[in-house]
């Protein structure tokens, strides 16, 4: 299955731009670092098949907490009928 990962910068510490992009590169997975706000645009133009995000916290009941930008990605995914997963 051909895969290309759009990696959000993940502000304010830029983990996506520094760590995630590096790990993908080390694994030979094609990727592009994009600004945090670009995800919605990519989804709107049909360039995203699914969103996978991590979480800073997961409760016993399955609720998740993450950085503020994740909420906007979740809304954009819902608005564009893109599946949204927390891994």
N, C-alpha and C. Protein backbone atom coordinates (compact mmCIF):
# COMPACT_ATOMS: atom_id res chain seq x y z
N UNK A 1 0.85 -1.17 0.00
CA UNK A 1 0.00 0.00 0.00
C UNK A 1 0.90 1.24 0.00
N UNK A 2 0.77 2.08 -1.00
CA UNK A 2 1.57 3.31 -0.98
C UNK A 2 1.12 4.26 0.12
N UNK A 3 2.08 4.75 0.88
CA UNK A 3 1.78 5.63 2.01
C UNK A 3 2.61 6.90 1.88
N UNK A 4 1.98 8.03 2.15
CA UNK A 4 2.69 9.30 2.30
C UNK A 4 2.10 9.97 3.52
N UNK A 5 2.94 10.38 4.44
CA UNK A 5 2.49 10.95 5.71
C UNK A 5 2.69 12.47 5.68
N UNK A 6 1.62 13.20 5.99
CA UNK A 6 1.72 14.63 6.22
C UNK A 6 1.92 14.80 7.72
N UNK A 7 3.04 15.35 8.11
CA UNK A 7 3.41 15.49 9.52
C UNK A 7 3.17 16.93 9.96
N UNK A 8 2.28 17.13 10.93
CA UNK A 8 2.08 18.47 11.50
C UNK A 8 3.32 18.87 12.29
N UNK A 9 3.61 20.17 12.31
CA UNK A 9 4.74 20.68 13.10
C UNK A 9 4.63 20.28 14.57
N UNK A 10 3.43 20.31 15.08
CA UNK A 10 3.11 20.02 16.48
C UNK A 10 3.71 21.08 17.40
N UNK A 11 3.13 22.25 17.35
CA UNK A 11 3.58 23.34 18.20
C UNK A 11 3.13 23.13 19.64
N UNK A 12 3.78 23.64 20.62
CA UNK A 12 4.85 24.62 20.53
C UNK A 12 6.25 24.00 20.48
N UNK A 13 6.39 22.70 20.71
CA UNK A 13 7.73 22.11 20.78
C UNK A 13 8.22 21.49 19.46
N UNK A 14 7.38 21.51 18.45
CA UNK A 14 7.74 21.02 17.11
C UNK A 14 8.16 19.55 17.10
N UNK A 15 7.50 18.71 17.91
CA UNK A 15 7.83 17.29 17.92
C UNK A 15 7.62 16.66 16.55
N UNK A 16 6.56 17.08 15.85
CA UNK A 16 6.30 16.52 14.52
C UNK A 16 7.40 16.85 13.55
N UNK A 17 7.81 18.12 13.53
CA UNK A 17 8.85 18.55 12.60
C UNK A 17 10.20 17.97 12.95
N UNK A 18 10.46 17.74 14.21
CA UNK A 18 11.77 17.24 14.60
C UNK A 18 11.78 15.72 14.77
N UNK A 19 10.94 15.21 15.64
CA UNK A 19 11.01 13.79 16.00
C UNK A 19 10.27 12.88 15.02
N UNK A 20 8.99 13.16 14.77
CA UNK A 20 8.19 12.29 13.91
C UNK A 20 8.77 12.24 12.50
N UNK A 21 9.13 13.39 11.95
CA UNK A 21 9.70 13.42 10.60
C UNK A 21 11.01 12.66 10.56
N UNK A 22 11.83 12.79 11.57
CA UNK A 22 13.09 12.06 11.62
C UNK A 22 12.85 10.55 11.66
N UNK A 23 11.91 10.11 12.52
CA UNK A 23 11.60 8.68 12.63
C UNK A 23 11.07 8.12 11.31
N UNK A 24 10.19 8.88 10.65
CA UNK A 24 9.67 8.43 9.35
C UNK A 24 10.80 8.33 8.33
N UNK A 25 11.69 9.31 8.32
CA UNK A 25 12.83 9.29 7.40
C UNK A 25 13.73 8.10 7.67
N UNK A 26 13.99 7.80 8.93
CA UNK A 26 14.82 6.65 9.29
C UNK A 26 14.19 5.34 8.84
N UNK A 27 12.87 5.32 8.77
CA UNK A 27 12.14 4.11 8.36
C UNK A 27 11.88 4.09 6.85
N UNK A 28 12.31 5.13 6.15
CA UNK A 28 12.11 5.18 4.70
C UNK A 28 10.68 5.46 4.27
N UNK A 29 9.90 6.06 5.15
CA UNK A 29 8.50 6.36 4.84
C UNK A 29 8.41 7.77 4.28
N UNK A 30 7.86 7.93 3.07
CA UNK A 30 7.74 9.27 2.49
C UNK A 30 6.85 10.17 3.35
N UNK A 31 7.28 11.41 3.55
CA UNK A 31 6.54 12.33 4.40
C UNK A 31 6.81 13.76 4.00
N UNK A 32 5.91 14.64 4.42
CA UNK A 32 6.04 16.08 4.21
C UNK A 32 5.64 16.77 5.51
N UNK A 33 6.48 17.66 6.00
CA UNK A 33 6.16 18.44 7.19
C UNK A 33 5.30 19.63 6.76
N UNK A 34 4.16 19.81 7.41
CA UNK A 34 3.25 20.91 7.09
C UNK A 34 2.94 21.69 8.36
N UNK A 35 2.49 22.92 8.19
CA UNK A 35 2.09 23.72 9.35
C UNK A 35 0.85 23.09 9.99
N UNK A 36 0.66 23.36 11.26
CA UNK A 36 -0.48 22.78 11.98
C UNK A 36 -1.81 23.12 11.33
N UNK A 37 -1.91 24.27 10.71
CA UNK A 37 -3.18 24.69 10.13
C UNK A 37 -3.41 24.15 8.72
N UNK A 38 -2.44 23.48 8.14
CA UNK A 38 -2.56 23.01 6.77
C UNK A 38 -3.40 21.72 6.65
N UNK A 39 -3.54 20.99 7.73
CA UNK A 39 -4.28 19.73 7.70
C UNK A 39 -5.67 19.85 7.14
N UNK A 40 -6.41 20.85 7.59
CA UNK A 40 -7.78 21.05 7.11
C UNK A 40 -7.82 21.31 5.61
N UNK A 41 -6.88 22.08 5.12
CA UNK A 41 -6.80 22.37 3.69
C UNK A 41 -6.54 21.09 2.90
N UNK A 42 -5.62 20.27 3.37
CA UNK A 42 -5.32 19.01 2.69
C UNK A 42 -6.54 18.09 2.69
N UNK A 43 -7.26 18.04 3.79
CA UNK A 43 -8.47 17.22 3.86
C UNK A 43 -9.54 17.75 2.92
N UNK A 44 -9.71 19.04 2.89
CA UNK A 44 -10.73 19.67 2.05
C UNK A 44 -10.49 19.37 0.57
N UNK A 45 -9.24 19.20 0.19
CA UNK A 45 -8.90 18.92 -1.20
C UNK A 45 -8.70 17.44 -1.49
N UNK A 46 -9.17 16.58 -0.58
CA UNK A 46 -9.16 15.14 -0.80
C UNK A 46 -7.78 14.50 -0.79
N UNK A 47 -6.82 15.13 -0.13
CA UNK A 47 -5.46 14.62 -0.12
C UNK A 47 -5.14 13.76 1.11
N UNK A 48 -6.13 13.56 1.98
CA UNK A 48 -5.93 12.81 3.21
C UNK A 48 -6.96 11.69 3.28
N UNK A 49 -6.49 10.46 3.48
CA UNK A 49 -7.39 9.31 3.59
C UNK A 49 -7.80 9.03 5.04
N UNK A 50 -6.92 9.37 5.98
CA UNK A 50 -7.22 9.18 7.40
C UNK A 50 -6.29 10.04 8.22
N UNK A 51 -6.72 10.33 9.44
CA UNK A 51 -5.88 11.06 10.39
C UNK A 51 -5.57 10.12 11.53
N UNK A 52 -4.29 10.02 11.88
CA UNK A 52 -3.87 9.24 13.05
C UNK A 52 -3.09 10.18 13.94
N UNK A 53 -3.49 10.26 15.19
CA UNK A 53 -2.81 11.14 16.14
C UNK A 53 -2.48 10.37 17.41
N UNK A 54 -1.55 10.88 18.14
CA UNK A 54 -1.26 10.34 19.46
C UNK A 54 -2.08 11.08 20.50
N UNK A 55 -1.82 10.80 21.75
CA UNK A 55 -2.52 11.49 22.83
C UNK A 55 -1.57 11.68 24.00
N UNK A 56 -1.70 12.82 24.67
CA UNK A 56 -0.90 13.07 25.86
C UNK A 56 -1.44 12.26 27.04
N UNK A 57 -2.76 12.07 27.06
CA UNK A 57 -3.41 11.30 28.15
C UNK A 57 -4.59 10.52 27.58
N UNK A 58 -4.82 9.33 28.12
CA UNK A 58 -6.00 8.53 27.81
C UNK A 58 -6.59 8.07 29.13
N UNK A 59 -7.89 8.33 29.31
CA UNK A 59 -8.53 7.95 30.57
C UNK A 59 -8.96 6.49 30.52
N UNK A 60 -9.35 6.00 31.65
CA UNK A 60 -9.87 4.65 31.78
C UNK A 60 -11.07 4.40 30.87
N UNK A 61 -11.85 5.45 30.64
CA UNK A 61 -13.07 5.32 29.83
C UNK A 61 -12.81 5.54 28.34
N UNK A 62 -11.54 5.82 27.98
CA UNK A 62 -11.21 5.99 26.57
C UNK A 62 -11.21 7.42 26.09
N UNK A 63 -11.52 8.38 26.97
CA UNK A 63 -11.42 9.79 26.59
C UNK A 63 -9.95 10.13 26.42
N UNK A 64 -9.66 11.02 25.48
CA UNK A 64 -8.27 11.38 25.23
C UNK A 64 -8.07 12.88 25.40
N UNK A 65 -6.86 13.26 25.78
CA UNK A 65 -6.47 14.66 25.87
C UNK A 65 -5.17 14.82 25.09
N UNK A 66 -5.10 15.88 24.32
CA UNK A 66 -3.91 16.16 23.54
C UNK A 66 -3.77 17.66 23.39
N UNK A 67 -2.85 18.10 22.58
CA UNK A 67 -2.63 19.53 22.38
C UNK A 67 -3.83 20.18 21.68
N UNK A 68 -3.93 21.48 21.79
CA UNK A 68 -5.08 22.22 21.28
C UNK A 68 -5.29 22.03 19.78
N UNK A 69 -4.22 21.88 19.01
CA UNK A 69 -4.34 21.73 17.57
C UNK A 69 -5.04 20.45 17.14
N UNK A 70 -5.01 19.44 18.00
CA UNK A 70 -5.66 18.17 17.67
C UNK A 70 -7.17 18.35 17.53
N UNK A 71 -7.73 19.23 18.33
CA UNK A 71 -9.17 19.49 18.25
C UNK A 71 -9.54 20.02 16.86
N UNK A 72 -8.75 20.95 16.34
CA UNK A 72 -9.03 21.50 15.01
C UNK A 72 -8.88 20.44 13.92
N UNK A 73 -7.91 19.54 14.08
CA UNK A 73 -7.75 18.45 13.11
C UNK A 73 -8.96 17.50 13.17
N UNK A 74 -9.44 17.23 14.38
CA UNK A 74 -10.61 16.37 14.54
C UNK A 74 -11.84 17.00 13.90
N UNK A 75 -12.02 18.30 14.10
CA UNK A 75 -13.16 18.99 13.48
C UNK A 75 -13.05 18.98 11.95
N UNK A 76 -11.85 19.24 11.44
CA UNK A 76 -11.64 19.23 9.99
C UNK A 76 -11.89 17.83 9.42
N UNK A 77 -11.44 16.81 10.13
CA UNK A 77 -11.67 15.44 9.67
C UNK A 77 -13.16 15.14 9.63
N UNK A 78 -13.88 15.49 10.69
CA UNK A 78 -15.32 15.26 10.72
C UNK A 78 -16.03 16.01 9.60
N UNK A 79 -15.64 17.24 9.38
CA UNK A 79 -16.27 18.08 8.35
C UNK A 79 -16.03 17.55 6.94
N UNK A 80 -14.91 16.84 6.77
CA UNK A 80 -14.55 16.34 5.44
C UNK A 80 -14.70 14.82 5.33
N UNK A 81 -15.40 14.21 6.28
CA UNK A 81 -15.65 12.76 6.28
C UNK A 81 -14.37 11.94 6.19
N UNK A 82 -13.34 12.38 6.92
CA UNK A 82 -12.06 11.67 6.97
C UNK A 82 -12.01 10.95 8.30
N UNK A 83 -11.77 9.64 8.30
CA UNK A 83 -11.66 8.90 9.58
C UNK A 83 -10.56 9.48 10.47
N UNK A 84 -10.83 9.56 11.76
CA UNK A 84 -9.91 10.14 12.73
C UNK A 84 -9.63 9.09 13.81
N UNK A 85 -8.36 8.74 13.99
CA UNK A 85 -7.97 7.70 14.95
C UNK A 85 -6.96 8.24 15.95
N UNK A 86 -7.07 7.79 17.19
CA UNK A 86 -6.06 8.06 18.21
C UNK A 86 -5.33 6.75 18.46
N UNK A 87 -4.03 6.78 18.25
CA UNK A 87 -3.24 5.55 18.40
C UNK A 87 -2.36 5.63 19.64
